[in-house]
Amino acid sequence: MIAEARPRRPSPGAESVYCQCAVPPARCSLPGMAIETPSSTDEHVLAALIYAESTVVHGTEPSEEMLAIGWTARNRYLHVQNHASDRKWWGNGSDMESIAKGNGGREFVSVSGPRYTTFRNHLGEITNSLEVAFGNLAVKAAKAVLAAPAPKVPGVFGTYPYVWFQRGSTSPSKRACATPTSLGSHYFWSFAPGGEKG
């Protein structure tokens, strides 16, 4: 839903606090540091999407923005199970990858970008200590989203009832609620009343 997400990262000098290596900060890694391998394909896809789309980098727990991004994809997955007419936009719902790449990749543009692709296909190549920490937060967020009970009506109820997000505050659809929720650098929308019916 967003155009060219540019994740905010700490300045290179900030990394020296975390990594005392004798190599340039961009390539700095600590021995034994790696992103936890996701336990399923759906978890891997969702974590990659969160990693690629999210802009918040601090803390030891996933940010509200990270969880909201994950829930947006999961709510779409759950929604298309009962609303076939939205499959042309949001993917066929066979798995999380169909949602991530729905509408020819135009819904989540990051899936064709290097952050998503590297996380999804070359996880072990991410060795920068800050990126590893951030990647582990993305995996933790994906696990939490996938383990939570499904809302009664995806995109309407739940702690994160979102089905759209983007950087701008302009409504993404006639079916979206009037007022978005701002988390991190994104705006999130749930369905307007009755909008989930199509």
C-alpha atoms as a PDB file:
ATOM      1  CA  MET A   1       0.000   0.000   0.000  1.00  0.00           C
ATOM      2  CA  ILE A   2       2.901   2.373   0.417  1.00  0.00           C
ATOM      3  CA  ALA A   3       5.165   3.910  -2.140  1.00  0.00           C
ATOM      4  CA  GLU A   4       8.845   3.244  -1.569  1.00  0.00           C
ATOM      5  CA  ALA A   5       9.198   2.753   2.151  1.00  0.00           C
ATOM      6  CA  ARG A   6      12.479   4.161   3.348  1.00  0.00           C
ATOM      7  CA  PRO A   7      13.211   2.683   6.766  1.00  0.00           C
ATOM      8  CA  ARG A   8      14.735   5.016   9.298  1.00  0.00           C
ATOM      9  CA  ARG A   9      18.036   3.725  10.564  1.00  0.00           C
ATOM     10  CA  PRO A  10      20.421   5.067  13.172  1.00  0.00           C
ATOM     11  CA  SER A  11      23.420   6.975  11.888  1.00  0.00           C
ATOM     12  CA  PRO A  12      26.556   4.869  11.295  1.00  0.00           C
ATOM     13  CA  GLY A  13      28.219   6.350  14.380  1.00  0.00           C
ATOM     14  CA  ALA A  14      25.393   5.069  16.560  1.00  0.00           C
ATOM     15  CA  GLU A  15      26.223   1.499  15.656  1.00  0.00           C
ATOM     16  CA  SER A  16      29.591   1.610  17.410  1.00  0.00           C
ATOM     17  CA  VAL A  17      27.657   1.569  20.690  1.00  0.00           C
ATOM     18  CA  TYR A  18      26.380  -1.891  19.794  1.00  0.00           C
ATOM     19  CA  CYS A  19      29.296  -3.285  17.832  1.00  0.00           C
ATOM     20  CA  GLN A  20      32.954  -2.939  18.716  1.00  0.00           C
ATOM     21  CA  CYS A  21      34.303  -4.471  15.489  1.00  0.00           C
ATOM     22  CA  ALA A  22      37.287  -3.294  13.473  1.00  0.00           C
ATOM     23  CA  VAL A  23      35.298  -3.155  10.241  1.00  0.00           C
ATOM     24  CA  PRO A  24      33.126  -0.366   8.828  1.00  0.00           C
ATOM     25  CA  PRO A  25      29.748  -0.080  10.640  1.00  0.00           C
ATOM     26  CA  ALA A  26      27.758  -1.012   7.535  1.00  0.00           C
ATOM     27  CA  ARG A  27      29.328  -4.478   7.619  1.00  0.00           C
ATOM     28  CA  CYS A  28      29.696  -4.800  11.366  1.00  0.00           C
ATOM     29  CA  SER A  29      28.410  -7.962  12.990  1.00  0.00           C
ATOM     30  CA  LEU A  30      28.944  -9.692  16.273  1.00  0.00           C
ATOM     31  CA  PRO A  31      29.857 -13.383  16.440  1.00  0.00           C
ATOM     32  CA  GLY A  32      26.823 -15.570  16.872  1.00  0.00           C
ATOM     33  CA  MET A  33      24.330 -12.835  15.978  1.00  0.00           C
ATOM     34  CA  ALA A  34      21.672 -13.939  13.532  1.00  0.00           C
ATOM     35  CA  ILE A  35      18.022 -13.401  12.847  1.00  0.00           C
ATOM     36  CA  GLU A  36      15.910 -16.213  14.263  1.00  0.00           C
ATOM     37  CA  THR A  37      14.731 -18.509  11.492  1.00  0.00           C
ATOM     38  CA  PRO A  38      10.944 -18.222  11.173  1.00  0.00           C
ATOM     39  CA  SER A  39       9.136 -21.481  11.950  1.00  0.00           C
ATOM     40  CA  SER A  40       6.833 -21.518   8.914  1.00  0.00           C
ATOM     41  CA  THR A  41       6.545 -20.053   5.436  1.00  0.00           C
ATOM     42  CA  ASP A  42       3.662 -17.801   6.508  1.00  0.00           C
ATOM     43  CA  GLU A  43       5.693 -16.549   9.477  1.00  0.00           C
ATOM     44  CA  HIS A  44       8.695 -15.917   7.219  1.00  0.00           C
ATOM     45  CA  VAL A  45       6.606 -13.964   4.674  1.00  0.00           C
ATOM     46  CA  LEU A  46       4.901 -11.906   7.370  1.00  0.00           C
ATOM     47  CA  ALA A  47       8.196 -11.158   9.162  1.00  0.00           C
ATOM     48  CA  ALA A  48       9.782 -10.122   5.851  1.00  0.00           C
ATOM     49  CA  LEU A  49       6.856  -7.807   5.135  1.00  0.00           C
ATOM     50  CA  ILE A  50       7.103  -6.250   8.615  1.00  0.00           C
ATOM     51  CA  TYR A  51      10.888  -5.921   8.260  1.00  0.00           C
ATOM     52  CA  ALA A  52      10.579  -4.242   4.858  1.00  0.00           C
ATOM     53  CA  GLU A  53       7.669  -1.918   5.661  1.00  0.00           C
ATOM     54  CA  SER A  54       8.262  -0.828   9.257  1.00  0.00           C
ATOM     55  CA  THR A  55      10.228   2.292  10.079  1.00  0.00           C
ATOM     56  CA  VAL A  56      10.480   2.041  13.874  1.00  0.00           C
ATOM     57  CA  VAL A  57      13.754   0.536  15.078  1.00  0.00           C
ATOM     58  CA  HIS A  58      13.992   0.872  18.878  1.00  0.00           C
ATOM     59  CA  GLY A  59      13.022  -1.245  21.840  1.00  0.00           C
ATOM     60  CA  THR A  60      13.059  -4.876  22.841  1.00  0.00           C
ATOM     61  CA  GLU A  61       9.445  -5.544  21.837  1.00  0.00           C
ATOM     62  CA  PRO A  62       7.804  -5.068  18.437  1.00  0.00           C
ATOM     63  CA  SER A  63       6.386  -1.574  17.990  1.00  0.00           C
ATOM     64  CA  GLU A  64       2.700  -0.850  17.501  1.00  0.00           C
ATOM     65  CA  GLU A  65       3.523  -0.033  13.874  1.00  0.00           C
ATOM     66  CA  MET A  66       5.146  -3.440  13.328  1.00  0.00           C
ATOM     67  CA  LEU A  67       2.159  -5.258  14.824  1.00  0.00           C
ATOM     68  CA  ALA A  68      -0.287  -3.146  12.808  1.00  0.00           C
ATOM     69  CA  ILE A  69       1.561  -3.964   9.561  1.00  0.00           C
ATOM     70  CA  GLY A  70       1.409  -7.660  10.405  1.00  0.00           C
ATOM     71  CA  TRP A  71      -2.279  -7.460  11.289  1.00  0.00           C
ATOM     72  CA  THR A  72      -3.061  -5.632   8.051  1.00  0.00           C
ATOM     73  CA  ALA A  73      -1.737  -8.608   6.074  1.00  0.00           C
ATOM     74  CA  ARG A  74      -3.373 -11.188   8.368  1.00  0.00           C
ATOM     75  CA  ASN A  75      -6.743  -9.392   8.301  1.00  0.00           C
ATOM     76  CA  ARG A  76      -6.622  -9.408   4.506  1.00  0.00           C
ATOM     77  CA  TYR A  77      -5.820 -13.114   4.551  1.00  0.00           C
ATOM     78  CA  LEU A  78      -8.751 -13.809   6.869  1.00  0.00           C
ATOM     79  CA  HIS A  79     -11.076 -11.489   4.956  1.00  0.00           C
ATOM     80  CA  VAL A  80     -10.581 -13.111   1.537  1.00  0.00           C
ATOM     81  CA  GLN A  81     -11.448 -16.509   2.989  1.00  0.00           C
ATOM     82  CA  ASN A  82     -15.083 -15.327   3.053  1.00  0.00           C
ATOM     83  CA  HIS A  83     -15.098 -12.547   0.446  1.00  0.00           C
ATOM     84  CA  ALA A  84     -13.910 -13.939  -2.876  1.00  0.00           C
ATOM     85  CA  SER A  85     -14.559 -10.654  -4.692  1.00  0.00           C
ATOM     86  CA  ASP A  86     -11.569  -9.071  -2.894  1.00  0.00           C
ATOM     87  CA  ARG A  87      -9.160 -11.807  -3.990  1.00  0.00           C
ATOM     88  CA  LYS A  88      -8.402  -9.948  -7.214  1.00  0.00           C
ATOM     89  CA  TRP A  89      -6.966  -7.106  -5.104  1.00  0.00           C
ATOM     90  CA  TRP A  90      -5.589  -8.810  -2.030  1.00  0.00           C
ATOM     91  CA  GLY A  91      -4.526 -12.253  -3.230  1.00  0.00           C
ATOM     92  CA  ASN A  92      -6.279 -15.595  -3.361  1.00  0.00           C
ATOM     93  CA  GLY A  93      -5.803 -16.327   0.342  1.00  0.00           C
ATOM     94  CA  SER A  94      -4.089 -19.677  -0.196  1.00  0.00           C
ATOM     95  CA  ASP A  95      -1.256 -18.499   2.054  1.00  0.00           C
ATOM     96  CA  MET A  96       0.368 -15.322   3.355  1.00  0.00           C
ATOM     97  CA  GLU A  97       2.575 -15.048   0.258  1.00  0.00           C
ATOM     98  CA  SER A  98      -0.528 -14.674  -1.938  1.00  0.00           C
ATOM     99  CA  ILE A  99      -1.560 -11.730   0.256  1.00  0.00           C
ATOM    100  CA  ALA A 100       1.900 -10.130   0.272  1.00  0.00           C
ATOM    101  CA  LYS A 101       2.047 -10.312  -3.533  1.00  0.00           C
ATOM    102  CA  GLY A 102      -1.642  -9.571  -4.137  1.00  0.00           C
ATOM    103  CA  ASN A 103      -2.675  -7.396  -7.081  1.00  0.00           C
ATOM    104  CA  GLY A 104       0.606  -8.025  -8.849  1.00  0.00           C
ATOM    105  CA  GLY A 105       2.632  -6.707  -5.913  1.00  0.00           C
ATOM    106  CA  ARG A 106       0.932  -3.319  -5.998  1.00  0.00           C
ATOM    107  CA  GLU A 107      -0.656  -3.678  -2.570  1.00  0.00           C
ATOM    108  CA  PHE A 108       2.588  -4.087  -0.607  1.00  0.00           C
ATOM    109  CA  VAL A 109       5.210  -2.568  -2.889  1.00  0.00           C
ATOM    110  CA  SER A 110       8.059  -3.627  -0.619  1.00  0.00           C
ATOM    111  CA  VAL A 111       7.735  -7.274  -1.735  1.00  0.00           C
ATOM    112  CA  SER A 112       9.668  -6.416  -4.889  1.00  0.00           C
ATOM    113  CA  GLY A 113      12.284  -4.433  -2.990  1.00  0.00           C
ATOM    114  CA  PRO A 114      15.668  -5.491  -1.618  1.00  0.00           C
ATOM    115  CA  ARG A 115      14.720  -5.496   2.092  1.00  0.00           C
ATOM    116  CA  TYR A 116      11.849  -7.959   1.606  1.00  0.00           C
ATOM    117  CA  THR A 117      13.758 -10.062  -0.915  1.00  0.00           C
ATOM    118  CA  THR A 118      16.878 -10.324   1.252  1.00  0.00           C
ATOM    119  CA  PHE A 119      14.884 -11.203   4.369  1.00  0.00           C
ATOM    120  CA  ARG A 120      12.787 -13.736   2.487  1.00  0.00           C
ATOM    121  CA  ASN A 121      15.482 -15.400   0.370  1.00  0.00           C
ATOM    122  CA  HIS A 122      18.857 -14.641   1.995  1.00  0.00           C
ATOM    123  CA  LEU A 123      18.174 -14.253   5.719  1.00  0.00           C
ATOM    124  CA  GLY A 124      21.680 -15.352   6.699  1.00  0.00           C
ATOM    125  CA  GLU A 125      23.202 -12.493   4.699  1.00  0.00           C
ATOM    126  CA  ILE A 126      21.774  -9.946   7.137  1.00  0.00           C
ATOM    127  CA  THR A 127      24.661  -9.570   9.586  1.00  0.00           C
ATOM    128  CA  ASN A 128      24.636  -5.897  10.607  1.00  0.00           C
ATOM    129  CA  SER A 129      23.986  -5.975  14.369  1.00  0.00           C
ATOM    130  CA  LEU A 130      21.207  -3.340  14.267  1.00  0.00           C
ATOM    131  CA  GLU A 131      19.526  -5.037  11.317  1.00  0.00           C
ATOM    132  CA  VAL A 132      19.722  -8.410  13.094  1.00  0.00           C
ATOM    133  CA  ALA A 133      18.072  -6.890  16.182  1.00  0.00           C
ATOM    134  CA  PHE A 134      15.403  -5.279  14.014  1.00  0.00           C
ATOM    135  CA  GLY A 135      14.901  -8.522  12.064  1.00  0.00           C
ATOM    136  CA  ASN A 136      14.368 -10.415  15.314  1.00  0.00           C
ATOM    137  CA  LEU A 137      11.709  -7.881  16.306  1.00  0.00           C
ATOM    138  CA  ALA A 138      10.019  -8.502  12.935  1.00  0.00           C
ATOM    139  CA  VAL A 139      10.018 -12.278  13.572  1.00  0.00           C
ATOM    140  CA  LYS A 140       8.670 -11.713  17.087  1.00  0.00           C
ATOM    141  CA  ALA A 141       5.888  -9.488  15.698  1.00  0.00           C
ATOM    142  CA  ALA A 142       4.987 -12.061  13.028  1.00  0.00           C
ATOM    143  CA  LYS A 143       4.815 -14.832  15.654  1.00  0.00           C
ATOM    144  CA  ALA A 144       2.525 -12.708  17.854  1.00  0.00           C
ATOM    145  CA  VAL A 145       0.188 -11.792  14.996  1.00  0.00           C
ATOM    146  CA  LEU A 146      -0.114 -15.353  13.701  1.00  0.00           C
ATOM    147  CA  ALA A 147      -0.597 -16.847  17.197  1.00  0.00           C
ATOM    148  CA  ALA A 148      -3.396 -14.458  18.193  1.00  0.00           C
ATOM    149  CA  PRO A 149      -7.032 -15.516  17.862  1.00  0.00           C
ATOM    150  CA  ALA A 150      -8.731 -14.380  14.667  1.00  0.00           C
ATOM    151  CA  PRO A 151     -11.088 -11.427  15.100  1.00  0.00           C
ATOM    152  CA  LYS A 152     -14.810 -12.044  14.624  1.00  0.00           C
ATOM    153  CA  VAL A 153     -14.873  -9.770  11.563  1.00  0.00           C
ATOM    154  CA  PRO A 154     -11.347  -9.084  10.203  1.00  0.00           C
ATOM    155  CA  GLY A 155     -10.841  -5.431   9.353  1.00  0.00           C
ATOM    156  CA  VAL A 156     -13.663  -4.357  11.657  1.00  0.00           C
ATOM    157  CA  PHE A 157     -12.940  -5.784  15.124  1.00  0.00           C
ATOM    158  CA  GLY A 158      -9.769  -6.558  17.043  1.00  0.00           C
ATOM    159  CA  THR A 159      -6.920  -4.620  18.608  1.00  0.00           C
ATOM    160  CA  TYR A 160      -5.465  -3.986  15.134  1.00  0.00           C
ATOM    161  CA  PRO A 161      -8.511  -3.981  12.802  1.00  0.00           C
ATOM    162  CA  TYR A 162      -6.594  -2.671   9.799  1.00  0.00           C
ATOM    163  CA  VAL A 163      -6.749  -3.697   6.151  1.00  0.00           C
ATOM    164  CA  TRP A 164      -4.897  -0.753   4.563  1.00  0.00           C
ATOM    165  CA  PHE A 165      -1.827   1.284   5.399  1.00  0.00           C
ATOM    166  CA  GLN A 166       0.301   3.856   3.653  1.00  0.00           C
ATOM    167  CA  ARG A 167       2.508   6.838   4.409  1.00  0.00           C
ATOM    168  CA  GLY A 168       0.026   9.477   3.301  1.00  0.00           C
ATOM    169  CA  SER A 169      -3.246  10.252   5.063  1.00  0.00           C
ATOM    170  CA  THR A 170      -5.367  10.245   1.897  1.00  0.00           C
ATOM    171  CA  SER A 171      -7.996   7.508   2.044  1.00  0.00           C
ATOM    172  CA  PRO A 172      -6.910   4.388   0.143  1.00  0.00           C
ATOM    173  CA  SER A 173     -10.459   3.244  -0.661  1.00  0.00           C
ATOM    174  CA  LYS A 174     -14.127   4.215  -0.590  1.00  0.00           C
ATOM    175  CA  ARG A 175     -14.531   1.268   1.770  1.00  0.00           C
ATOM    176  CA  ALA A 176     -12.041   2.635   4.330  1.00  0.00           C
ATOM    177  CA  CYS A 177     -13.059   4.333   7.573  1.00  0.00           C
ATOM    178  CA  ALA A 178     -12.958   8.126   7.539  1.00  0.00           C
ATOM    179  CA  THR A 179     -10.256   8.624  10.158  1.00  0.00           C
ATOM    180  CA  PRO A 180      -6.981   6.677   9.953  1.00  0.00           C
ATOM    181  CA  THR A 181      -4.828   5.698  12.922  1.00  0.00           C
ATOM    182  CA  SER A 182      -1.282   7.042  12.809  1.00  0.00           C
ATOM    183  CA  LEU A 183       1.441   4.631  13.993  1.00  0.00           C
ATOM    184  CA  GLY A 184       5.110   5.226  13.254  1.00  0.00           C
ATOM    185  CA  SER A 185       5.318   6.797   9.812  1.00  0.00           C
ATOM    186  CA  HIS A 186       2.174   5.087   8.490  1.00  0.00           C
ATOM    187  CA  TYR A 187      -1.557   5.666   8.530  1.00  0.00           C
ATOM    188  CA  PHE A 188      -3.801   2.633   9.021  1.00  0.00           C
ATOM    189  CA  TRP A 189      -7.453   2.134   8.070  1.00  0.00           C
ATOM    190  CA  SER A 190     -10.088  -0.428   8.933  1.00  0.00           C
ATOM    191  CA  PHE A 191     -13.269  -0.893   6.958  1.00  0.00           C
ATOM    192  CA  ALA A 192     -15.950   1.792   7.205  1.00  0.00           C
ATOM    193  CA  PRO A 193     -19.242   0.401   8.607  1.00  0.00           C
ATOM    194  CA  GLY A 194     -20.460  -2.157   6.061  1.00  0.00           C
ATOM    195  CA  GLY A 195     -17.305  -1.752   3.941  1.00  0.00           C
ATOM    196  CA  GLU A 196     -16.201  -5.305   4.631  1.00  0.00           C
ATOM    197  CA  LYS A 197     -19.146  -6.549   2.564  1.00  0.00           C
ATOM    198  CA  GLY A 198     -17.792  -5.109  -0.654  1.00  0.00           C
END
